[in-house]
PDB file of N, CA and C in Angstrom:
ATOM      1  N   UNK A   1     -21.456 -16.023  10.494  1.00  0.00           N
ATOM      2  CA  UNK A   1     -20.899 -16.206   9.172  1.00  0.00           C
ATOM      3  C   UNK A   1     -20.470 -14.874   8.550  1.00  0.00           C
ATOM      4  N   UNK A   2     -21.099 -13.800   8.929  1.00  0.00           N
ATOM      5  CA  UNK A   2     -20.817 -12.497   8.343  1.00  0.00           C
ATOM      6  C   UNK A   2     -19.462 -11.970   8.778  1.00  0.00           C
ATOM      7  N   UNK A   3     -18.951 -12.382   9.937  1.00  0.00           N
ATOM      8  CA  UNK A   3     -17.671 -11.873  10.403  1.00  0.00           C
ATOM      9  C   UNK A   3     -16.479 -12.681   9.908  1.00  0.00           C
ATOM     10  N   UNK A   4     -16.730 -13.768   9.183  1.00  0.00           N
ATOM     11  CA  UNK A   4     -15.641 -14.573   8.627  1.00  0.00           C
ATOM     12  C   UNK A   4     -15.351 -14.133   7.193  1.00  0.00           C
ATOM     13  N   UNK A   5     -14.082 -13.919   6.858  1.00  0.00           N
ATOM     14  CA  UNK A   5     -13.770 -13.529   5.473  1.00  0.00           C
ATOM     15  C   UNK A   5     -14.029 -14.678   4.516  1.00  0.00           C
ATOM     16  N   UNK A   6     -14.438 -14.317   3.325  1.00  0.00           N
ATOM     17  CA  UNK A   6     -14.683 -15.322   2.298  1.00  0.00           C
ATOM     18  C   UNK A   6     -13.367 -15.617   1.585  1.00  0.00           C
ATOM     19  N   UNK A   7     -13.025 -16.855   1.462  1.00  0.00           N
ATOM     20  CA  UNK A   7     -11.792 -17.278   0.797  1.00  0.00           C
ATOM     21  C   UNK A   7     -12.165 -17.829  -0.568  1.00  0.00           C
ATOM     22  N   UNK A   8     -11.575 -17.253  -1.584  1.00  0.00           N
ATOM     23  CA  UNK A   8     -11.863 -17.665  -2.951  1.00  0.00           C
ATOM     24  C   UNK A   8     -10.560 -18.108  -3.585  1.00  0.00           C
ATOM     25  N   UNK A   9     -10.551 -19.293  -4.145  1.00  0.00           N
ATOM     26  CA  UNK A   9      -9.362 -19.807  -4.820  1.00  0.00           C
ATOM     27  C   UNK A   9      -9.315 -19.259  -6.236  1.00  0.00           C
ATOM     28  N   UNK A  10      -8.134 -18.787  -6.627  1.00  0.00           N
ATOM     29  CA  UNK A  10      -7.937 -18.337  -7.999  1.00  0.00           C
ATOM     30  C   UNK A  10      -6.801 -19.143  -8.611  1.00  0.00           C
ATOM     31  N   UNK A  11      -6.818 -19.265  -9.900  1.00  0.00           N
ATOM     32  CA  UNK A  11      -5.745 -19.951 -10.618  1.00  0.00           C
ATOM     33  C   UNK A  11      -5.191 -18.987 -11.646  1.00  0.00           C
ATOM     34  N   UNK A  12      -3.870 -18.852 -11.643  1.00  0.00           N
ATOM     35  CA  UNK A  12      -3.207 -17.966 -12.591  1.00  0.00           C
ATOM     36  C   UNK A  12      -3.042 -18.681 -13.925  1.00  0.00           C
ATOM     37  N   UNK A  13      -3.177 -17.918 -14.983  1.00  0.00           N
ATOM     38  CA  UNK A  13      -3.001 -18.462 -16.318  1.00  0.00           C
ATOM     39  C   UNK A  13      -1.532 -18.792 -16.524  1.00  0.00           C
ATOM     40  N   UNK A  14      -1.243 -19.933 -17.071  1.00  0.00           N
ATOM     41  CA  UNK A  14       0.142 -20.367 -17.272  1.00  0.00           C
ATOM     42  C   UNK A  14       0.819 -19.647 -18.427  1.00  0.00           C
ATOM     43  N   UNK A  15       0.088 -18.859 -19.195  1.00  0.00           N
ATOM     44  CA  UNK A  15       0.707 -18.156 -20.317  1.00  0.00           C
ATOM     45  C   UNK A  15       1.615 -17.027 -19.847  1.00  0.00           C
ATOM     46  N   UNK A  16       1.523 -16.618 -18.594  1.00  0.00           N
ATOM     47  CA  UNK A  16       2.426 -15.576 -18.101  1.00  0.00           C
ATOM     48  C   UNK A  16       3.875 -16.016 -18.172  1.00  0.00           C
ATOM     49  N   UNK A  17       4.144 -17.274 -17.885  1.00  0.00           N
ATOM     50  CA  UNK A  17       5.506 -17.778 -17.941  1.00  0.00           C
ATOM     51  C   UNK A  17       5.972 -17.985 -19.378  1.00  0.00           C
ATOM     52  N   UNK A  18       5.054 -18.230 -20.286  1.00  0.00           N
ATOM     53  CA  UNK A  18       5.449 -18.465 -21.671  1.00  0.00           C
ATOM     54  C   UNK A  18       5.762 -17.169 -22.413  1.00  0.00           C
ATOM     55  N   UNK A  19       5.428 -16.011 -21.807  1.00  0.00           N
ATOM     56  CA  UNK A  19       5.740 -14.747 -22.451  1.00  0.00           C
ATOM     57  C   UNK A  19       7.225 -14.442 -22.405  1.00  0.00           C
ATOM     58  N   UNK A  20       7.938 -15.019 -21.471  1.00  0.00           N
ATOM     59  CA  UNK A  20       9.381 -14.829 -21.386  1.00  0.00           C
ATOM     60  C   UNK A  20      10.023 -15.718 -22.442  1.00  0.00           C
ATOM     61  N   UNK A  21      10.635 -15.091 -23.423  1.00  0.00           N
ATOM     62  CA  UNK A  21      11.190 -15.840 -24.534  1.00  0.00           C
ATOM     63  C   UNK A  21      12.660 -16.137 -24.294  1.00  0.00           C
ATOM     64  N   UNK A  22      13.046 -17.298 -24.717  1.00  0.00           N
ATOM     65  CA  UNK A  22      14.456 -17.666 -24.665  1.00  0.00           C
ATOM     66  C   UNK A  22      15.194 -16.882 -25.749  1.00  0.00           C
ATOM     67  N   UNK A  23      16.459 -16.592 -25.525  1.00  0.00           N
ATOM     68  CA  UNK A  23      17.223 -15.877 -26.547  1.00  0.00           C
ATOM     69  C   UNK A  23      17.261 -16.657 -27.863  1.00  0.00           C
ATOM     70  N   UNK A  24      17.062 -15.951 -28.945  1.00  0.00           N
ATOM     71  CA  UNK A  24      17.155 -16.555 -30.269  1.00  0.00           C
ATOM     72  C   UNK A  24      18.115 -15.724 -31.113  1.00  0.00           C
ATOM     73  N   UNK A  25      18.712 -16.367 -32.084  1.00  0.00           N
ATOM     74  CA  UNK A  25      19.697 -15.689 -32.927  1.00  0.00           C
ATOM     75  C   UNK A  25      18.995 -14.643 -33.782  1.00  0.00           C
ATOM     76  N   UNK A  26      19.472 -13.413 -33.716  1.00  0.00           N
ATOM     77  CA  UNK A  26      18.890 -12.327 -34.489  1.00  0.00           C
ATOM     78  C   UNK A  26      19.749 -11.949 -35.693  1.00  0.00           C
ATOM     79  N   UNK A  27      21.064 -12.125 -35.564  1.00  0.00           N
ATOM     80  CA  UNK A  27      21.978 -11.690 -36.613  1.00  0.00           C
ATOM     81  C   UNK A  27      23.262 -12.489 -36.525  1.00  0.00           C
ATOM     82  N   UNK A  28      23.790 -12.879 -37.670  1.00  0.00           N
ATOM     83  CA  UNK A  28      25.093 -13.535 -37.715  1.00  0.00           C
ATOM     84  C   UNK A  28      25.914 -12.872 -38.803  1.00  0.00           C
ATOM     85  N   UNK A  29      27.098 -12.394 -38.422  1.00  0.00           N
ATOM     86  CA  UNK A  29      28.000 -11.720 -39.360  1.00  0.00           C
ATOM     87  C   UNK A  29      29.238 -12.585 -39.516  1.00  0.00           C
ATOM     88  N   UNK A  30      29.534 -12.980 -40.748  1.00  0.00           N
ATOM     89  CA  UNK A  30      30.738 -13.766 -41.013  1.00  0.00           C
ATOM     90  C   UNK A  30      31.894 -12.805 -41.241  1.00  0.00           C
ATOM     91  N   UNK A  31      32.910 -12.904 -40.382  1.00  0.00           N
ATOM     92  CA  UNK A  31      34.065 -12.006 -40.449  1.00  0.00           C
ATOM     93  C   UNK A  31      35.056 -12.507 -41.493  1.00  0.00           C
ATOM     94  N   UNK A  32      35.454 -13.766 -41.384  1.00  0.00           N
ATOM     95  CA  UNK A  32      36.283 -14.416 -42.389  1.00  0.00           C
ATOM     96  C   UNK A  32      35.910 -15.894 -42.394  1.00  0.00           C
ATOM     97  N   UNK A  33      36.744 -16.728 -43.000  1.00  0.00           N
ATOM     98  CA  UNK A  33      36.371 -18.133 -43.160  1.00  0.00           C
ATOM     99  C   UNK A  33      36.256 -18.891 -41.841  1.00  0.00           C
ATOM    100  N   UNK A  34      36.937 -18.437 -40.795  1.00  0.00           N
ATOM    101  CA  UNK A  34      36.913 -19.145 -39.514  1.00  0.00           C
ATOM    102  C   UNK A  34      36.238 -18.370 -38.383  1.00  0.00           C
ATOM    103  N   UNK A  35      35.776 -17.161 -38.652  1.00  0.00           N
ATOM    104  CA  UNK A  35      35.218 -16.335 -37.590  1.00  0.00           C
ATOM    105  C   UNK A  35      33.850 -15.797 -37.984  1.00  0.00           C
ATOM    106  N   UNK A  36      32.950 -15.823 -37.019  1.00  0.00           N
ATOM    107  CA  UNK A  36      31.660 -15.178 -37.213  1.00  0.00           C
ATOM    108  C   UNK A  36      31.180 -14.633 -35.869  1.00  0.00           C
ATOM    109  N   UNK A  37      30.325 -13.634 -35.952  1.00  0.00           N
ATOM    110  CA  UNK A  37      29.759 -13.006 -34.765  1.00  0.00           C
ATOM    111  C   UNK A  37      28.273 -13.296 -34.766  1.00  0.00           C
ATOM    112  N   UNK A  38      27.757 -13.792 -33.653  1.00  0.00           N
ATOM    113  CA  UNK A  38      26.339 -14.088 -33.522  1.00  0.00           C
ATOM    114  C   UNK A  38      25.755 -13.123 -32.503  1.00  0.00           C
ATOM    115  N   UNK A  39      24.679 -12.440 -32.898  1.00  0.00           N
ATOM    116  CA  UNK A  39      23.976 -11.506 -32.016  1.00  0.00           C
ATOM    117  C   UNK A  39      22.601 -12.091 -31.736  1.00  0.00           C
ATOM    118  N   UNK A  40      22.247 -12.144 -30.474  1.00  0.00           N
ATOM    119  CA  UNK A  40      20.951 -12.677 -30.064  1.00  0.00           C
ATOM    120  C   UNK A  40      20.003 -11.530 -29.730  1.00  0.00           C
ATOM    121  N   UNK A  41      18.692 -11.828 -29.785  1.00  0.00           N
ATOM    122  CA  UNK A  41      17.718 -10.799 -29.442  1.00  0.00           C
ATOM    123  C   UNK A  41      17.876 -10.398 -27.975  1.00  0.00           C
ATOM    124  N   UNK A  42      17.321  -9.288 -27.614  1.00  0.00           N
ATOM    125  CA  UNK A  42      17.387  -8.709 -26.261  1.00  0.00           C
ATOM    126  C   UNK A  42      18.793  -8.230 -25.901  1.00  0.00           C
ATOM    127  N   UNK A  43      19.646  -7.965 -26.882  1.00  0.00           N
ATOM    128  CA  UNK A  43      20.974  -7.443 -26.591  1.00  0.00           C
ATOM    129  C   UNK A  43      20.837  -5.975 -26.190  1.00  0.00           C
ATOM    130  N   UNK A  44      21.637  -5.545 -25.250  1.00  0.00           N
ATOM    131  CA  UNK A  44      21.613  -4.158 -24.822  1.00  0.00           C
ATOM    132  C   UNK A  44      22.241  -3.279 -25.910  1.00  0.00           C
ATOM    133  N   UNK A  45      21.718  -2.098 -26.073  1.00  0.00           N
ATOM    134  CA  UNK A  45      22.146  -1.200 -27.137  1.00  0.00           C
ATOM    135  C   UNK A  45      23.623  -0.845 -27.069  1.00  0.00           C
ATOM    136  N   UNK A  46      24.125  -0.567 -25.878  1.00  0.00           N
ATOM    137  CA  UNK A  46      25.535  -0.180 -25.762  1.00  0.00           C
ATOM    138  C   UNK A  46      26.459  -1.353 -26.077  1.00  0.00           C
ATOM    139  N   UNK A  47      26.034  -2.565 -25.797  1.00  0.00           N
ATOM    140  CA  UNK A  47      26.836  -3.745 -26.136  1.00  0.00           C
ATOM    141  C   UNK A  47      26.852  -3.929 -27.650  1.00  0.00           C
ATOM    142  N   UNK A  48      25.703  -3.765 -28.283  1.00  0.00           N
ATOM    143  CA  UNK A  48      25.627  -3.885 -29.737  1.00  0.00           C
ATOM    144  C   UNK A  48      26.460  -2.808 -30.422  1.00  0.00           C
ATOM    145  N   UNK A  49      26.422  -1.598 -29.898  1.00  0.00           N
ATOM    146  CA  UNK A  49      27.222  -0.521 -30.467  1.00  0.00           C
ATOM    147  C   UNK A  49      28.716  -0.818 -30.356  1.00  0.00           C
ATOM    148  N   UNK A  50      29.171  -1.295 -29.205  1.00  0.00           N
ATOM    149  CA  UNK A  50      30.582  -1.637 -29.025  1.00  0.00           C
ATOM    150  C   UNK A  50      30.979  -2.788 -29.942  1.00  0.00           C
ATOM    151  N   UNK A  51      30.103  -3.745 -30.114  1.00  0.00           N
ATOM    152  CA  UNK A  51      30.376  -4.871 -31.005  1.00  0.00           C
ATOM    153  C   UNK A  51      30.517  -4.404 -32.444  1.00  0.00           C
ATOM    154  N   UNK A  52      29.619  -3.546 -32.891  1.00  0.00           N
ATOM    155  CA  UNK A  52      29.669  -3.057 -34.270  1.00  0.00           C
ATOM    156  C   UNK A  52      30.929  -2.222 -34.509  1.00  0.00           C
ATOM    157  N   UNK A  53      31.335  -1.433 -33.518  1.00  0.00           N
ATOM    158  CA  UNK A  53      32.564  -0.651 -33.658  1.00  0.00           C
ATOM    159  C   UNK A  53      33.789  -1.551 -33.723  1.00  0.00           C
ATOM    160  N   UNK A  54      33.770  -2.654 -32.996  1.00  0.00           N
ATOM    161  CA  UNK A  54      34.892  -3.598 -33.025  1.00  0.00           C
ATOM    162  C   UNK A  54      34.944  -4.362 -34.337  1.00  0.00           C
ATOM    163  N   UNK A  55      33.781  -4.721 -34.865  1.00  0.00           N
ATOM    164  CA  UNK A  55      33.747  -5.509 -36.104  1.00  0.00           C
ATOM    165  C   UNK A  55      34.043  -4.616 -37.314  1.00  0.00           C
ATOM    166  N   UNK A  56      33.405  -3.459 -37.356  1.00  0.00           N
ATOM    167  CA  UNK A  56      33.578  -2.538 -38.475  1.00  0.00           C
ATOM    168  C   UNK A  56      34.474  -1.403 -38.015  1.00  0.00           C
ATOM    169  N   UNK A  57      35.778  -1.632 -38.007  1.00  0.00           N
ATOM    170  CA  UNK A  57      36.721  -0.652 -37.478  1.00  0.00           C
ATOM    171  C   UNK A  57      36.830   0.604 -38.336  1.00  0.00           C
ATOM    172  N   UNK A  58      36.459   0.532 -39.606  1.00  0.00           N
ATOM    173  CA  UNK A  58      36.560   1.704 -40.468  1.00  0.00           C
ATOM    174  C   UNK A  58      35.297   2.559 -40.440  1.00  0.00           C
ATOM    175  N   UNK A  59      34.280   2.172 -39.690  1.00  0.00           N
ATOM    176  CA  UNK A  59      33.042   2.953 -39.593  1.00  0.00           C
ATOM    177  C   UNK A  59      33.237   4.142 -38.659  1.00  0.00           C
ATOM    178  N   UNK A  60      32.491   5.186 -38.871  1.00  0.00           N
ATOM    179  CA  UNK A  60      32.602   6.394 -38.044  1.00  0.00           C
ATOM    180  C   UNK A  60      31.482   6.471 -37.066  1.00  0.00           C
TER     181      UNK A  60
END
């Protein structure tokens, strides 16, 4: 019996999968009466920067 490895069953907590959050709306900017921009969480910084430069063309 000493030369046989002991096998122990483990169960992983299911909360590991629940930590991954689905995208949710973080910001909505109304451009005019028919246009709006929706920004979701987890957006990459360079994408957000390009979006803000496109929306606010007079910003420096």
